[in-house]
Amino acid sequence: MAAAVLLAGGAQAQECDRTDAEPIAPYKIVLVGDSTMAPHSGWGGAFCAKHVKSSVACVNAGRGGRSTRSYRQEGSWDIALAEARVPGYRATYVLIQFGHNDQSSQPERWTDETIEFPANLRRFVGDVRGAGAIPVLVTPLTRRDFKDGRLKNTLASWSDQVRGVAKALDVPLVDLNALSARQIQEMGAETATKLAQVPPSDTELAAARAGTTLPAPPTPPTPPPIEGNGPRGQVTRKFDYTHLGDIGAEVTARLVTQALAHAVPGLRSQLIK
């Protein structure tokens, strides 16, 4: 009897009037940058996972160790632009954050701070606009190095270059460097160690507590390959004063979200605090 009632109900439902769902008008955000944005080491994963609505396609194309020069030369920029050209979105935004590796001494990364770095950013902006998307420049996340209780913001002048390009080309700006530097200074060196990928050693924590951080330790050796039929990708987590663990990623993603809402009013309805 119960089965007969259910079947009858299903037949009645099929006879009811139906309407089609309204077409959606989704948004897209493409994140372009270095390890401080990339999955597992930056703020981008937390931003995409927790701070945008389901009506936003959020693509984290941040990659560790990249500068404005190497990101383009290796082909990652072509991939990001292909994402920006995909039709069907009400608007597509490309957030661009570099600086850490532009000041590196490694031959495939470094750029000249006052000439090449801003020129590369200008080219990124032009490419994004040419693809029909909206560029948003992001100043580089501060490192968390301290001396005598004061933050050493080694990316301050590089951030000035980003601000200059944003002003000259009328590009929305998320001033993450200024926001994060202010936040980290308020935290102090000891509390700021909690933003790293793994906890500091006792010696590193004692130094931070005294107000002057130690040099970052060398990168741990690459672990041996994983065998078997399961996932084989690996991420090497380490303590330093640049990269972000789960807490650091969420703290920074909140800064980005708040600043992005101010910089791009058209995205406010799609962002979650």
C-alpha atoms as a PDB file:
ATOM      1  CA  MET A   1       0.000   0.000   0.000  1.00  0.00           C
ATOM      2  CA  ALA A   2       2.762   2.450   0.969  1.00  0.00           C
ATOM      3  CA  ALA A   3       4.586   1.774  -2.304  1.00  0.00           C
ATOM      4  CA  ALA A   4       1.400   2.434  -4.258  1.00  0.00           C
ATOM      5  CA  VAL A   5       0.926   5.791  -2.517  1.00  0.00           C
ATOM      6  CA  LEU A   6       4.518   6.827  -3.313  1.00  0.00           C
ATOM      7  CA  LEU A   7       4.095   5.859  -6.950  1.00  0.00           C
ATOM      8  CA  ALA A   8       0.872   7.810  -7.177  1.00  0.00           C
ATOM      9  CA  GLY A   9       2.505  10.841  -5.635  1.00  0.00           C
ATOM     10  CA  GLY A  10       5.337  10.630  -8.156  1.00  0.00           C
ATOM     11  CA  ALA A  11       2.859  10.475 -11.029  1.00  0.00           C
ATOM     12  CA  GLN A  12       1.050  13.550  -9.710  1.00  0.00           C
ATOM     13  CA  ALA A  13       4.342  15.428  -9.406  1.00  0.00           C
ATOM     14  CA  GLN A  14       5.138  14.702 -13.031  1.00  0.00           C
ATOM     15  CA  GLU A  15       1.792  16.184 -14.056  1.00  0.00           C
ATOM     16  CA  CYS A  16       2.380  19.484 -12.205  1.00  0.00           C
ATOM     17  CA  ASP A  17       3.419  22.607 -14.071  1.00  0.00           C
ATOM     18  CA  ARG A  18       7.156  23.150 -14.328  1.00  0.00           C
ATOM     19  CA  THR A  19       9.315  26.173 -14.971  1.00  0.00           C
ATOM     20  CA  ASP A  20      12.922  26.375 -16.086  1.00  0.00           C
ATOM     21  CA  ALA A  21      15.586  27.755 -13.788  1.00  0.00           C
ATOM     22  CA  GLU A  22      16.749  31.253 -14.551  1.00  0.00           C
ATOM     23  CA  PRO A  23      20.187  31.402 -16.207  1.00  0.00           C
ATOM     24  CA  ILE A  24      22.899  32.206 -13.688  1.00  0.00           C
ATOM     25  CA  ALA A  25      25.306  35.086 -14.060  1.00  0.00           C
ATOM     26  CA  PRO A  26      28.444  33.801 -12.350  1.00  0.00           C
ATOM     27  CA  TYR A  27      31.705  35.577 -11.663  1.00  0.00           C
ATOM     28  CA  LYS A  28      35.261  34.371 -11.962  1.00  0.00           C
ATOM     29  CA  ILE A  29      38.382  35.236  -9.985  1.00  0.00           C
ATOM     30  CA  VAL A  30      41.809  34.102 -11.181  1.00  0.00           C
ATOM     31  CA  LEU A  31      44.673  34.373  -8.695  1.00  0.00           C
ATOM     32  CA  VAL A  32      48.119  34.944 -10.198  1.00  0.00           C
ATOM     33  CA  GLY A  33      51.222  35.125  -8.041  1.00  0.00           C
ATOM     34  CA  ASP A  34      53.939  33.358  -6.078  1.00  0.00           C
ATOM     35  CA  SER A  35      54.086  30.958  -3.122  1.00  0.00           C
ATOM     36  CA  THR A  36      52.508  33.442  -0.712  1.00  0.00           C
ATOM     37  CA  MET A  37      49.335  33.060  -2.791  1.00  0.00           C
ATOM     38  CA  ALA A  38      49.740  29.474  -4.023  1.00  0.00           C
ATOM     39  CA  PRO A  39      47.992  26.354  -2.650  1.00  0.00           C
ATOM     40  CA  HIS A  40      49.505  24.903   0.549  1.00  0.00           C
ATOM     41  CA  SER A  41      51.840  27.841   1.182  1.00  0.00           C
ATOM     42  CA  GLY A  42      49.809  31.019   0.678  1.00  0.00           C
ATOM     43  CA  TRP A  43      46.451  32.684   1.242  1.00  0.00           C
ATOM     44  CA  GLY A  44      44.802  31.767  -2.067  1.00  0.00           C
ATOM     45  CA  GLY A  45      43.478  28.374  -1.011  1.00  0.00           C
ATOM     46  CA  ALA A  46      41.704  29.790   2.037  1.00  0.00           C
ATOM     47  CA  PHE A  47      40.328  32.656  -0.017  1.00  0.00           C
ATOM     48  CA  CYS A  48      38.812  30.395  -2.673  1.00  0.00           C
ATOM     49  CA  ALA A  49      37.523  27.871  -0.133  1.00  0.00           C
ATOM     50  CA  LYS A  50      35.953  30.200   2.424  1.00  0.00           C
ATOM     51  CA  HIS A  51      35.570  33.741   1.164  1.00  0.00           C
ATOM     52  CA  VAL A  52      33.646  33.560  -2.123  1.00  0.00           C
ATOM     53  CA  LYS A  53      30.116  32.385  -2.857  1.00  0.00           C
ATOM     54  CA  SER A  54      29.312  29.347  -4.991  1.00  0.00           C
ATOM     55  CA  SER A  55      28.463  31.750  -7.821  1.00  0.00           C
ATOM     56  CA  VAL A  56      32.194  32.502  -8.132  1.00  0.00           C
ATOM     57  CA  ALA A  57      34.611  30.253 -10.007  1.00  0.00           C
ATOM     58  CA  CYS A  58      37.835  30.833  -8.085  1.00  0.00           C
ATOM     59  CA  VAL A  59      41.027  29.588  -9.767  1.00  0.00           C
ATOM     60  CA  ASN A  60      44.270  29.697  -7.800  1.00  0.00           C
ATOM     61  CA  ALA A  61      47.081  29.863 -10.355  1.00  0.00           C
ATOM     62  CA  GLY A  62      49.679  30.997  -7.826  1.00  0.00           C
ATOM     63  CA  ARG A  63      52.949  29.055  -8.089  1.00  0.00           C
ATOM     64  CA  GLY A  64      55.867  28.901  -5.691  1.00  0.00           C
ATOM     65  CA  GLY A  65      59.175  30.486  -6.657  1.00  0.00           C
ATOM     66  CA  ARG A  66      57.815  32.611  -9.494  1.00  0.00           C
ATOM     67  CA  SER A  67      58.516  36.230 -10.322  1.00  0.00           C
ATOM     68  CA  THR A  68      56.892  38.562 -12.853  1.00  0.00           C
ATOM     69  CA  ARG A  69      59.527  37.342 -15.299  1.00  0.00           C
ATOM     70  CA  SER A  70      59.599  33.575 -14.722  1.00  0.00           C
ATOM     71  CA  TYR A  71      55.812  33.263 -14.426  1.00  0.00           C
ATOM     72  CA  ARG A  72      55.481  34.535 -17.969  1.00  0.00           C
ATOM     73  CA  GLN A  73      58.546  32.779 -19.399  1.00  0.00           C
ATOM     74  CA  GLU A  74      57.507  29.327 -18.213  1.00  0.00           C
ATOM     75  CA  GLY A  75      54.023  29.646 -19.723  1.00  0.00           C
ATOM     76  CA  SER A  76      51.978  30.032 -16.536  1.00  0.00           C
ATOM     77  CA  TRP A  77      50.779  33.450 -17.649  1.00  0.00           C
ATOM     78  CA  ASP A  78      49.393  31.972 -20.873  1.00  0.00           C
ATOM     79  CA  ILE A  79      47.404  29.493 -18.785  1.00  0.00           C
ATOM     80  CA  ALA A  80      46.040  32.260 -16.559  1.00  0.00           C
ATOM     81  CA  LEU A  81      45.039  34.349 -19.578  1.00  0.00           C
ATOM     82  CA  ALA A  82      43.257  31.345 -21.083  1.00  0.00           C
ATOM     83  CA  GLU A  83      41.219  31.169 -17.877  1.00  0.00           C
ATOM     84  CA  ALA A  84      40.473  34.881 -18.137  1.00  0.00           C
ATOM     85  CA  ARG A  85      39.165  34.490 -21.696  1.00  0.00           C
ATOM     86  CA  VAL A  86      36.622  31.764 -20.895  1.00  0.00           C
ATOM     87  CA  PRO A  87      33.161  33.167 -21.756  1.00  0.00           C
ATOM     88  CA  GLY A  88      29.960  32.892 -19.759  1.00  0.00           C
ATOM     89  CA  TYR A  89      30.834  35.017 -16.721  1.00  0.00           C
ATOM     90  CA  ARG A  90      29.285  38.310 -15.730  1.00  0.00           C
ATOM     91  CA  ALA A  91      32.782  39.541 -14.955  1.00  0.00           C
ATOM     92  CA  THR A  92      36.227  37.976 -14.588  1.00  0.00           C
ATOM     93  CA  TYR A  93      38.828  39.460 -12.264  1.00  0.00           C
ATOM     94  CA  VAL A  94      42.534  38.615 -12.278  1.00  0.00           C
ATOM     95  CA  LEU A  95      44.368  39.342  -9.006  1.00  0.00           C
ATOM     96  CA  ILE A  96      48.117  39.771  -9.552  1.00  0.00           C
ATOM     97  CA  GLN A  97      50.621  39.600  -6.670  1.00  0.00           C
ATOM     98  CA  PHE A  98      54.390  39.381  -7.129  1.00  0.00           C
ATOM     99  CA  GLY A  99      57.534  40.782  -5.547  1.00  0.00           C
ATOM    100  CA  HIS A 100      59.083  38.137  -3.286  1.00  0.00           C
ATOM    101  CA  ASN A 101      60.932  36.331  -6.059  1.00  0.00           C
ATOM    102  CA  ASP A 102      61.514  39.421  -8.168  1.00  0.00           C
ATOM    103  CA  GLN A 103      63.971  40.468  -5.463  1.00  0.00           C
ATOM    104  CA  SER A 104      65.596  37.019  -5.487  1.00  0.00           C
ATOM    105  CA  SER A 105      69.176  36.494  -6.663  1.00  0.00           C
ATOM    106  CA  GLN A 106      68.304  33.306  -8.567  1.00  0.00           C
ATOM    107  CA  PRO A 107      69.031  33.850 -12.265  1.00  0.00           C
ATOM    108  CA  GLU A 108      65.664  32.779 -13.651  1.00  0.00           C
ATOM    109  CA  ARG A 109      63.701  34.899 -11.159  1.00  0.00           C
ATOM    110  CA  TRP A 110      65.165  38.309 -10.379  1.00  0.00           C
ATOM    111  CA  THR A 111      64.035  41.537 -11.982  1.00  0.00           C
ATOM    112  CA  ASP A 112      65.178  45.121 -11.742  1.00  0.00           C
ATOM    113  CA  GLU A 113      63.020  46.810  -9.110  1.00  0.00           C
ATOM    114  CA  THR A 114      62.475  50.214 -10.649  1.00  0.00           C
ATOM    115  CA  ILE A 115      62.400  49.421 -14.372  1.00  0.00           C
ATOM    116  CA  GLU A 116      61.664  45.800 -15.214  1.00  0.00           C
ATOM    117  CA  PHE A 117      59.323  44.937 -12.324  1.00  0.00           C
ATOM    118  CA  PRO A 118      56.819  47.757 -12.969  1.00  0.00           C
ATOM    119  CA  ALA A 119      57.117  47.217 -16.726  1.00  0.00           C
ATOM    120  CA  ASN A 120      56.161  43.565 -16.239  1.00  0.00           C
ATOM    121  CA  LEU A 121      53.164  44.578 -14.133  1.00  0.00           C
ATOM    122  CA  ARG A 122      52.052  47.043 -16.799  1.00  0.00           C
ATOM    123  CA  ARG A 123      52.235  44.297 -19.390  1.00  0.00           C
ATOM    124  CA  PHE A 124      50.162  41.986 -17.184  1.00  0.00           C
ATOM    125  CA  VAL A 125      47.511  44.687 -16.840  1.00  0.00           C
ATOM    126  CA  GLY A 126      47.380  45.246 -20.590  1.00  0.00           C
ATOM    127  CA  ASP A 127      47.108  41.526 -21.291  1.00  0.00           C
ATOM    128  CA  VAL A 128      44.240  41.083 -18.832  1.00  0.00           C
ATOM    129  CA  ARG A 129      42.307  43.982 -20.273  1.00  0.00           C
ATOM    130  CA  GLY A 130      42.964  42.654 -23.757  1.00  0.00           C
ATOM    131  CA  ALA A 131      41.438  39.347 -22.682  1.00  0.00           C
ATOM    132  CA  GLY A 132      38.249  41.137 -21.634  1.00  0.00           C
ATOM    133  CA  ALA A 133      38.870  40.723 -17.901  1.00  0.00           C
ATOM    134  CA  ILE A 134      39.503  43.160 -15.048  1.00  0.00           C
ATOM    135  CA  PRO A 135      42.988  43.336 -13.472  1.00  0.00           C
ATOM    136  CA  VAL A 136      43.458  43.892  -9.746  1.00  0.00           C
ATOM    137  CA  LEU A 137      46.979  44.542  -8.449  1.00  0.00           C
ATOM    138  CA  VAL A 138      47.975  43.221  -5.020  1.00  0.00           C
ATOM    139  CA  THR A 139      51.047  44.466  -3.160  1.00  0.00           C
ATOM    140  CA  PRO A 140      53.230  41.618  -1.838  1.00  0.00           C
ATOM    141  CA  LEU A 141      52.500  40.078   1.549  1.00  0.00           C
ATOM    142  CA  THR A 142      55.031  41.230   4.135  1.00  0.00           C
ATOM    143  CA  ARG A 143      57.609  38.859   5.535  1.00  0.00           C
ATOM    144  CA  ARG A 144      57.554  38.438   9.305  1.00  0.00           C
ATOM    145  CA  ASP A 145      61.180  39.273  10.131  1.00  0.00           C
ATOM    146  CA  PHE A 146      61.734  41.404  13.234  1.00  0.00           C
ATOM    147  CA  LYS A 147      64.657  43.298  14.724  1.00  0.00           C
ATOM    148  CA  ASP A 148      64.437  44.790  18.212  1.00  0.00           C
ATOM    149  CA  GLY A 149      60.671  44.440  18.187  1.00  0.00           C
ATOM    150  CA  ARG A 150      60.148  46.195  14.851  1.00  0.00           C
ATOM    151  CA  LEU A 151      59.024  44.528  11.645  1.00  0.00           C
ATOM    152  CA  LYS A 152      61.540  44.608   8.787  1.00  0.00           C
ATOM    153  CA  ASN A 153      59.311  45.158   5.770  1.00  0.00           C
ATOM    154  CA  THR A 154      61.752  44.222   3.028  1.00  0.00           C
ATOM    155  CA  LEU A 155      59.053  44.522   0.377  1.00  0.00           C
ATOM    156  CA  ALA A 156      58.018  48.101   1.136  1.00  0.00           C
ATOM    157  CA  SER A 157      59.751  49.685  -1.861  1.00  0.00           C
ATOM    158  CA  TRP A 158      58.561  46.932  -4.197  1.00  0.00           C
ATOM    159  CA  SER A 159      55.046  47.633  -2.977  1.00  0.00           C
ATOM    160  CA  ASP A 160      55.552  51.283  -3.904  1.00  0.00           C
ATOM    161  CA  GLN A 161      56.181  50.132  -7.475  1.00  0.00           C
ATOM    162  CA  VAL A 162      52.891  48.204  -7.500  1.00  0.00           C
ATOM    163  CA  ARG A 163      51.030  51.206  -6.123  1.00  0.00           C
ATOM    164  CA  GLY A 164      52.561  53.414  -8.794  1.00  0.00           C
ATOM    165  CA  VAL A 165      51.435  51.130 -11.612  1.00  0.00           C
ATOM    166  CA  ALA A 166      47.937  50.840 -10.135  1.00  0.00           C
ATOM    167  CA  LYS A 167      47.615  54.624  -9.949  1.00  0.00           C
ATOM    168  CA  ALA A 168      49.063  55.269 -13.403  1.00  0.00           C
ATOM    169  CA  LEU A 169      46.858  52.697 -15.137  1.00  0.00           C
ATOM    170  CA  ASP A 170      43.748  53.208 -12.972  1.00  0.00           C
ATOM    171  CA  VAL A 171      43.790  49.614 -11.680  1.00  0.00           C
ATOM    172  CA  PRO A 172      42.030  48.525  -8.465  1.00  0.00           C
ATOM    173  CA  LEU A 173      44.583  47.940  -5.702  1.00  0.00           C
ATOM    174  CA  VAL A 174      44.585  45.563  -2.748  1.00  0.00           C
ATOM    175  CA  ASP A 175      47.364  46.959  -0.557  1.00  0.00           C
ATOM    176  CA  LEU A 176      48.166  43.680   1.168  1.00  0.00           C
ATOM    177  CA  ASN A 177      51.676  44.788   2.079  1.00  0.00           C
ATOM    178  CA  ALA A 178      50.477  47.748   4.119  1.00  0.00           C
ATOM    179  CA  LEU A 179      47.654  45.772   5.716  1.00  0.00           C
ATOM    180  CA  SER A 180      49.767  42.755   6.597  1.00  0.00           C
ATOM    181  CA  ALA A 181      52.685  44.860   7.855  1.00  0.00           C
ATOM    182  CA  ARG A 182      50.372  46.724  10.203  1.00  0.00           C
ATOM    183  CA  GLN A 183      48.802  43.489  11.394  1.00  0.00           C
ATOM    184  CA  ILE A 184      52.093  41.682  11.956  1.00  0.00           C
ATOM    185  CA  GLN A 185      53.590  44.613  13.844  1.00  0.00           C
ATOM    186  CA  GLU A 186      50.557  44.625  16.128  1.00  0.00           C
ATOM    187  CA  MET A 187      50.911  40.871  16.672  1.00  0.00           C
ATOM    188  CA  GLY A 188      54.586  41.050  17.481  1.00  0.00           C
ATOM    189  CA  ALA A 189      57.266  38.573  16.506  1.00  0.00           C
ATOM    190  CA  GLU A 190      56.223  35.809  18.894  1.00  0.00           C
ATOM    191  CA  THR A 191      52.541  35.677  17.955  1.00  0.00           C
ATOM    192  CA  ALA A 192      53.396  36.036  14.263  1.00  0.00           C
ATOM    193  CA  THR A 193      55.223  32.688  14.374  1.00  0.00           C
ATOM    194  CA  LYS A 194      51.779  31.058  14.578  1.00  0.00           C
ATOM    195  CA  LEU A 195      51.135  32.045  10.954  1.00  0.00           C
ATOM    196  CA  ALA A 196      53.918  29.791   9.630  1.00  0.00           C
ATOM    197  CA  GLN A 197      53.415  26.370   8.076  1.00  0.00           C
ATOM    198  CA  VAL A 198      54.823  24.515  11.096  1.00  0.00           C
ATOM    199  CA  PRO A 199      55.683  25.662  14.651  1.00  0.00           C
ATOM    200  CA  PRO A 200      59.089  27.226  15.322  1.00  0.00           C
ATOM    201  CA  SER A 201      61.820  25.449  17.220  1.00  0.00           C
ATOM    202  CA  ASP A 202      62.360  26.401  20.842  1.00  0.00           C
ATOM    203  CA  THR A 203      65.352  28.501  19.802  1.00  0.00           C
ATOM    204  CA  GLU A 204      63.384  30.308  17.077  1.00  0.00           C
ATOM    205  CA  LEU A 205      60.507  30.965  19.453  1.00  0.00           C
ATOM    206  CA  ALA A 206      62.832  32.315  22.152  1.00  0.00           C
ATOM    207  CA  ALA A 207      64.421  34.699  19.663  1.00  0.00           C
ATOM    208  CA  ALA A 208      61.026  35.917  18.482  1.00  0.00           C
ATOM    209  CA  ARG A 209      59.938  36.411  22.088  1.00  0.00           C
ATOM    210  CA  ALA A 210      63.012  38.601  22.584  1.00  0.00           C
ATOM    211  CA  GLY A 211      62.012  40.690  19.553  1.00  0.00           C
ATOM    212  CA  THR A 212      64.584  39.700  16.915  1.00  0.00           C
ATOM    213  CA  THR A 213      63.863  36.741  14.661  1.00  0.00           C
ATOM    214  CA  LEU A 214      66.553  34.334  13.541  1.00  0.00           C
ATOM    215  CA  PRO A 215      67.446  33.760   9.867  1.00  0.00           C
ATOM    216  CA  ALA A 216      65.036  31.340   8.206  1.00  0.00           C
ATOM    217  CA  PRO A 217      66.345  27.754   8.281  1.00  0.00           C
ATOM    218  CA  PRO A 218      67.205  25.995   5.018  1.00  0.00           C
ATOM    219  CA  THR A 219      64.456  24.210   3.116  1.00  0.00           C
ATOM    220  CA  PRO A 220      64.070  20.594   4.298  1.00  0.00           C
ATOM    221  CA  PRO A 221      65.212  17.895   1.867  1.00  0.00           C
ATOM    222  CA  THR A 222      62.665  16.525  -0.576  1.00  0.00           C
ATOM    223  CA  PRO A 223      61.040  13.422   0.921  1.00  0.00           C
ATOM    224  CA  PRO A 224      61.357  10.091  -0.906  1.00  0.00           C
ATOM    225  CA  PRO A 225      58.738   9.336  -3.588  1.00  0.00           C
ATOM    226  CA  ILE A 226      55.445   7.811  -2.492  1.00  0.00           C
ATOM    227  CA  GLU A 227      54.782   4.341  -3.851  1.00  0.00           C
ATOM    228  CA  GLY A 228      51.453   2.646  -4.526  1.00  0.00           C
ATOM    229  CA  ASN A 229      48.237   3.402  -6.382  1.00  0.00           C
ATOM    230  CA  GLY A 230      47.097   6.372  -4.309  1.00  0.00           C
ATOM    231  CA  PRO A 231      47.915  10.064  -4.646  1.00  0.00           C
ATOM    232  CA  ARG A 232      51.650  10.668  -4.909  1.00  0.00           C
ATOM    233  CA  GLY A 233      51.934  14.434  -4.772  1.00  0.00           C
ATOM    234  CA  GLN A 234      53.767  15.851  -1.769  1.00  0.00           C
ATOM    235  CA  VAL A 235      54.096  19.232  -0.114  1.00  0.00           C
ATOM    236  CA  THR A 236      57.119  20.041   2.043  1.00  0.00           C
ATOM    237  CA  ARG A 237      56.047  22.222   4.946  1.00  0.00           C
ATOM    238  CA  LYS A 238      58.609  24.249   6.885  1.00  0.00           C
ATOM    239  CA  PHE A 239      58.965  27.016   9.411  1.00  0.00           C
ATOM    240  CA  ASP A 240      59.980  30.381   8.020  1.00  0.00           C
ATOM    241  CA  TYR A 241      58.879  34.004   8.092  1.00  0.00           C
ATOM    242  CA  THR A 242      57.314  34.153   4.630  1.00  0.00           C
ATOM    243  CA  HIS A 243      55.012  31.230   3.910  1.00  0.00           C
ATOM    244  CA  LEU A 244      51.639  30.569   5.497  1.00  0.00           C
ATOM    245  CA  GLY A 245      50.150  27.594   7.283  1.00  0.00           C
ATOM    246  CA  ASP A 246      46.433  27.048   7.819  1.00  0.00           C
ATOM    247  CA  ILE A 247      46.085  29.824  10.391  1.00  0.00           C
ATOM    248  CA  GLY A 248      48.217  32.256   8.430  1.00  0.00           C
ATOM    249  CA  ALA A 249      46.332  31.546   5.213  1.00  0.00           C
ATOM    250  CA  GLU A 250      42.978  32.274   6.825  1.00  0.00           C
ATOM    251  CA  VAL A 251      44.197  35.406   8.598  1.00  0.00           C
ATOM    252  CA  THR A 252      45.612  36.776   5.357  1.00  0.00           C
ATOM    253  CA  ALA A 253      42.635  35.708   3.223  1.00  0.00           C
ATOM    254  CA  ARG A 254      40.416  37.794   5.482  1.00  0.00           C
ATOM    255  CA  LEU A 255      42.612  40.829   4.894  1.00  0.00           C
ATOM    256  CA  VAL A 256      42.428  40.293   1.136  1.00  0.00           C
ATOM    257  CA  THR A 257      38.659  39.821   1.207  1.00  0.00           C
ATOM    258  CA  GLN A 258      38.003  43.021   3.136  1.00  0.00           C
ATOM    259  CA  ALA A 259      40.373  45.040   0.946  1.00  0.00           C
ATOM    260  CA  LEU A 260      38.981  43.553  -2.262  1.00  0.00           C
ATOM    261  CA  ALA A 261      35.451  44.505  -1.253  1.00  0.00           C
ATOM    262  CA  HIS A 262      36.608  48.115  -0.893  1.00  0.00           C
ATOM    263  CA  ALA A 263      38.680  48.126  -4.082  1.00  0.00           C
ATOM    264  CA  VAL A 264      36.110  46.389  -6.301  1.00  0.00           C
ATOM    265  CA  PRO A 265      32.533  47.307  -5.286  1.00  0.00           C
ATOM    266  CA  GLY A 266      31.149  45.088  -8.044  1.00  0.00           C
ATOM    267  CA  LEU A 267      32.399  42.021  -6.181  1.00  0.00           C
ATOM    268  CA  ARG A 268      30.981  42.847  -2.750  1.00  0.00           C
ATOM    269  CA  SER A 269      27.909  40.665  -3.167  1.00  0.00           C
ATOM    270  CA  GLN A 270      30.125  37.684  -3.994  1.00  0.00           C
ATOM    271  CA  LEU A 271      32.577  37.953  -1.092  1.00  0.00           C
ATOM    272  CA  ILE A 272      32.137  36.370   2.328  1.00  0.00           C
ATOM    273  CA  LYS A 273      33.748  37.989   5.347  1.00  0.00           C
END
